[in-house]
Amino acid sequence: MQSKRYAIIVAGGAGIRMGFDIPKQFIELAGKPILMRTIEVFDGLLNGPEIIIVLPETQIEYWHQLCHKHSFDVKHRLAKGGAERFYSVLNGLSLIDTDNATVAIHDGVRPFVNQSVIEECFETAYEKGSAIPVIQPVESVRLVESSGTVAFPRSKVMLVQTPQVFQYRLIKEAYAQPYNPNFTDDASVVEAMGGRVFTVTGNVENIKITTQTDLVFASALLKSR
């Protein structure tokens, strides 16, 4: 019997690096906020998860206004964001009331993740406990050392994306740890308590939109679909 599925979509960014006066998750792509496009990908899954959106408390009223403006009626619950992403995820997890669950944690500004990748992450996490999507770099890779830089085989490097998916018992235990600034993502939180993280192949279009260049690429990608 499959466990219940949840998707925690974390949207706590600002638009400063992109030169906007609104948070980046609310910037429109072809007339619709990025966050709404991200939510719709998960809502469109055949076995769709219950969706939890994590937003800073100061942005919740604006989000309600956007939903009204765009007639956005995808069912979701809201959790308040924290001072760090760690606490935002923790607040999202607190809304899950069953241990028999598989939980995806996804960046709100990644609207181009393939549904097949999400599905594979859910299935792998259900079977093995965890799953994160990764892609291989196409550029050459160098390591930074005190004496300079040195070439490093890119075959030994993977670029990590989201959604990062876990059995709820595992991610709940991981987030019971004290916050550590060295946590870079949810997988690193799980590994810090000794958990094992499995990988699946991601899709290269699944970019995190954080700069003007990303936005240009995203607009072109959307037009090509």
Protein backbone atom coordinates (compact mmCIF):
# COMPACT_ATOMS: atom_id res chain seq x y z
CA MET A 1 0.00 0.00 0.00
CA GLN A 2 1.42 3.37 -1.03
CA SER A 3 1.96 6.00 1.62
CA LYS A 4 0.27 9.38 1.43
CA ARG A 5 2.17 11.92 -0.64
CA TYR A 6 2.99 15.48 0.34
CA ALA A 7 4.86 18.26 -1.45
CA ILE A 8 6.35 21.07 0.61
CA ILE A 9 7.14 23.93 -1.75
CA VAL A 10 9.46 26.45 -0.13
CA ALA A 11 9.18 30.01 -1.44
CA GLY A 12 11.04 32.43 0.76
CA GLY A 13 13.25 34.35 -1.62
CA ALA A 14 13.54 38.03 -2.51
CA GLY A 15 13.85 39.63 -5.93
CA ILE A 16 16.86 41.78 -5.14
CA ARG A 17 19.39 39.96 -7.34
CA MET A 18 16.95 40.15 -10.24
CA GLY A 19 16.31 43.87 -9.88
CA PHE A 20 12.64 43.45 -8.95
CA ASP A 21 10.77 44.99 -6.06
CA ILE A 22 8.74 41.82 -5.47
CA PRO A 23 9.95 38.40 -4.29
CA LYS A 24 11.24 36.23 -7.14
CA GLN A 25 8.57 33.55 -6.66
CA PHE A 26 5.92 36.13 -7.55
CA ILE A 27 7.60 37.35 -10.75
CA GLU A 28 5.41 36.51 -13.74
CA LEU A 29 6.39 34.12 -16.51
CA ALA A 30 4.09 34.60 -19.49
CA GLY A 31 1.48 36.25 -17.29
CA LYS A 32 1.56 33.86 -14.34
CA PRO A 33 3.68 33.96 -11.15
CA ILE A 34 6.55 31.47 -11.10
CA LEU A 35 5.28 29.90 -7.87
CA MET A 36 1.90 29.13 -9.43
CA ARG A 37 3.58 27.40 -12.35
CA THR A 38 5.63 25.31 -9.92
CA ILE A 39 2.55 24.31 -7.93
CA GLU A 40 0.70 23.30 -11.11
CA VAL A 41 3.42 20.78 -12.01
CA PHE A 42 2.81 18.89 -8.76
CA ASP A 43 -0.95 19.28 -8.97
CA GLY A 44 -0.88 17.72 -12.44
CA LEU A 45 0.61 14.42 -11.24
CA LEU A 46 -1.61 11.38 -11.66
CA ASN A 47 -1.08 10.50 -8.00
CA GLY A 48 -0.84 14.09 -6.87
CA PRO A 49 0.46 15.03 -3.42
CA GLU A 50 -1.14 17.23 -0.82
CA ILE A 51 0.55 20.58 -1.37
CA ILE A 52 1.99 22.76 1.40
CA ILE A 53 3.38 26.18 0.47
CA VAL A 54 5.87 27.82 2.83
CA LEU A 55 5.91 31.62 2.62
CA PRO A 56 7.25 34.39 4.85
CA GLU A 57 4.42 35.64 7.03
CA THR A 58 4.75 39.11 5.48
CA GLN A 59 4.01 37.68 2.01
CA ILE A 60 0.93 35.59 2.81
CA GLU A 61 -1.63 38.36 2.28
CA TYR A 62 -0.01 39.28 -1.04
CA TRP A 63 -0.18 35.62 -2.06
CA HIS A 64 -3.91 35.59 -1.36
CA GLN A 65 -4.27 38.68 -3.55
CA LEU A 66 -2.36 36.99 -6.38
CA CYS A 67 -4.52 33.86 -6.13
CA HIS A 68 -7.62 36.03 -6.47
CA LYS A 69 -6.14 38.04 -9.35
CA HIS A 70 -5.18 34.93 -11.32
CA SER A 71 -8.22 32.84 -10.29
CA PHE A 72 -5.75 30.30 -8.93
CA ASP A 73 -7.73 27.54 -7.27
CA VAL A 74 -5.24 24.68 -6.82
CA LYS A 75 -5.87 23.35 -3.32
CA HIS A 76 -2.98 23.97 -0.92
CA ARG A 77 -2.17 24.77 2.68
CA LEU A 78 0.15 27.50 3.91
CA ALA A 79 2.96 27.36 6.45
CA LYS A 80 4.92 30.34 7.72
CA GLY A 81 8.54 30.64 6.69
CA GLY A 82 11.37 30.83 9.18
CA ALA A 83 14.56 32.87 9.47
CA GLU A 84 16.47 30.12 7.62
CA ARG A 85 15.32 27.60 5.03
CA PHE A 86 15.83 24.88 7.67
CA TYR A 87 13.10 26.39 9.84
CA SER A 88 10.82 26.96 6.85
CA VAL A 89 10.97 23.26 5.98
CA LEU A 90 10.47 22.37 9.63
CA ASN A 91 7.30 24.49 9.71
CA GLY A 92 6.04 22.76 6.59
CA LEU A 93 6.71 19.33 8.07
CA SER A 94 4.73 20.27 11.17
CA LEU A 95 1.52 20.28 9.08
CA ILE A 96 1.88 16.57 8.25
CA ASP A 97 -0.12 14.48 10.68
CA THR A 98 0.70 10.92 9.62
CA ASP A 99 3.92 8.91 9.77
CA ASN A 100 2.86 6.86 6.75
CA ALA A 101 3.86 9.53 4.26
CA THR A 102 6.38 10.31 1.55
CA VAL A 103 7.39 13.96 1.42
CA ALA A 104 8.83 15.97 -1.46
CA ILE A 105 10.58 19.24 -0.62
CA HIS A 106 10.91 21.55 -3.60
CA ASP A 107 12.13 25.06 -4.41
CA GLY A 108 9.27 27.38 -5.34
CA VAL A 109 11.27 28.85 -8.22
CA ARG A 110 11.87 25.57 -10.07
CA PRO A 111 8.80 25.41 -12.36
CA PHE A 112 10.42 23.24 -15.05
CA VAL A 113 10.96 19.99 -13.17
CA ASN A 114 9.65 17.08 -15.23
CA GLN A 115 6.72 15.21 -13.75
CA SER A 116 8.50 11.95 -14.59
CA VAL A 117 11.39 13.04 -12.36
CA ILE A 118 9.02 13.85 -9.50
CA GLU A 119 7.33 10.47 -9.89
CA GLU A 120 10.64 8.60 -9.90
CA CYS A 121 11.73 10.48 -6.77
CA PHE A 122 8.50 9.55 -4.99
CA GLU A 123 8.77 5.88 -6.02
CA THR A 124 12.44 5.60 -5.08
CA ALA A 125 11.94 7.31 -1.73
CA TYR A 126 8.98 5.05 -0.97
CA GLU A 127 11.17 1.99 -1.61
CA LYS A 128 14.53 3.14 -0.25
CA GLY A 129 13.79 6.04 2.10
CA SER A 130 15.15 8.92 0.05
CA ALA A 131 15.66 10.23 -3.47
CA ILE A 132 17.16 13.41 -4.89
CA PRO A 133 17.46 14.39 -8.57
CA VAL A 134 20.95 15.06 -9.90
CA ILE A 135 22.54 15.95 -13.22
CA GLN A 136 26.14 15.72 -14.41
CA PRO A 137 27.97 19.01 -15.10
CA VAL A 138 28.92 19.72 -18.70
CA GLU A 139 31.63 22.25 -17.80
CA SER A 140 35.08 21.32 -16.57
CA VAL A 141 35.43 21.24 -12.80
CA ARG A 142 38.24 22.52 -10.59
CA LEU A 143 38.70 22.32 -6.84
CA VAL A 144 39.76 25.40 -4.89
CA GLU A 145 42.67 24.77 -2.54
CA SER A 146 44.83 27.06 -0.42
CA SER A 147 47.58 26.96 -3.05
CA GLY A 148 45.27 27.60 -5.98
CA THR A 149 42.97 25.41 -8.07
CA VAL A 150 43.32 21.87 -9.38
CA ALA A 151 41.42 19.96 -12.05
CA PHE A 152 38.88 17.44 -10.78
CA PRO A 153 37.10 14.71 -12.78
CA ARG A 154 33.59 15.93 -13.51
CA SER A 155 32.45 12.30 -13.63
CA LYS A 156 32.76 12.37 -9.84
CA VAL A 157 30.59 15.47 -9.46
CA MET A 158 26.80 15.73 -9.50
CA LEU A 159 24.69 18.88 -9.45
CA VAL A 160 21.79 18.53 -7.04
CA GLN A 161 18.25 19.70 -7.75
CA THR A 162 14.86 19.43 -6.09
CA PRO A 163 12.41 17.91 -5.28
CA GLN A 164 14.25 16.02 -2.58
CA VAL A 165 11.94 13.26 -1.41
CA PHE A 166 11.99 11.25 1.82
CA GLN A 167 9.94 8.90 3.89
CA TYR A 168 8.34 11.11 6.52
CA ARG A 169 9.80 9.24 9.50
CA LEU A 170 13.31 9.80 8.12
CA ILE A 171 12.97 13.50 7.32
CA LYS A 172 11.10 14.16 10.57
CA GLU A 173 13.95 12.62 12.57
CA ALA A 174 16.53 14.54 10.54
CA TYR A 175 14.82 17.87 11.18
CA ALA A 176 14.72 17.15 14.90
CA GLN A 177 18.44 17.98 14.88
CA PRO A 178 19.61 21.46 15.88
CA TYR A 179 20.13 23.85 12.98
CA ASN A 180 23.62 23.84 11.49
CA PRO A 181 24.70 26.57 9.03
CA ASN A 182 26.56 23.87 7.08
CA PHE A 183 23.26 22.34 5.99
CA THR A 184 23.03 23.08 2.25
CA ASP A 185 19.83 21.19 1.44
CA ASP A 186 17.49 18.58 2.85
CA ALA A 187 19.78 15.73 1.83
CA SER A 188 22.61 17.21 3.90
CA VAL A 189 20.29 17.37 6.92
CA VAL A 190 19.48 13.67 6.50
CA GLU A 191 23.14 12.73 6.03
CA ALA A 192 24.12 14.66 9.16
CA MET A 193 22.16 12.18 11.27
CA GLY A 194 23.56 9.18 9.42
CA GLY A 195 20.81 8.69 6.85
CA ARG A 196 21.55 7.46 3.34
CA VAL A 197 20.62 9.50 0.28
CA PHE A 198 19.83 7.88 -3.08
CA THR A 199 19.90 9.68 -6.43
CA VAL A 200 17.83 9.65 -9.60
CA THR A 201 18.52 11.38 -12.89
CA GLY A 202 17.10 14.90 -13.00
CA ASN A 203 16.28 17.07 -16.02
CA VAL A 204 18.58 19.87 -17.12
CA GLU A 205 15.68 22.29 -17.64
CA ASN A 206 14.94 22.17 -13.91
CA ILE A 207 16.75 25.41 -13.17
CA LYS A 208 16.36 27.47 -10.04
CA ILE A 209 15.33 30.93 -11.21
CA THR A 210 17.42 33.34 -9.16
CA THR A 211 18.98 35.80 -11.65
CA GLN A 212 17.95 37.89 -14.65
CA THR A 213 19.77 35.41 -16.90
CA ASP A 214 17.75 32.56 -15.42
CA LEU A 215 14.56 34.51 -16.10
CA VAL A 216 15.52 35.06 -19.75
CA PHE A 217 16.27 31.35 -20.13
CA ALA A 218 13.01 30.42 -18.40
CA SER A 219 10.98 32.68 -20.69
CA ALA A 220 12.60 31.13 -23.76
CA LEU A 221 12.05 27.62 -22.41
CA LEU A 222 8.38 28.33 -21.78
CA LYS A 223 7.90 29.66 -25.31
CA SER A 224 9.51 26.54 -26.79
CA ARG A 225 6.99 24.21 -25.14
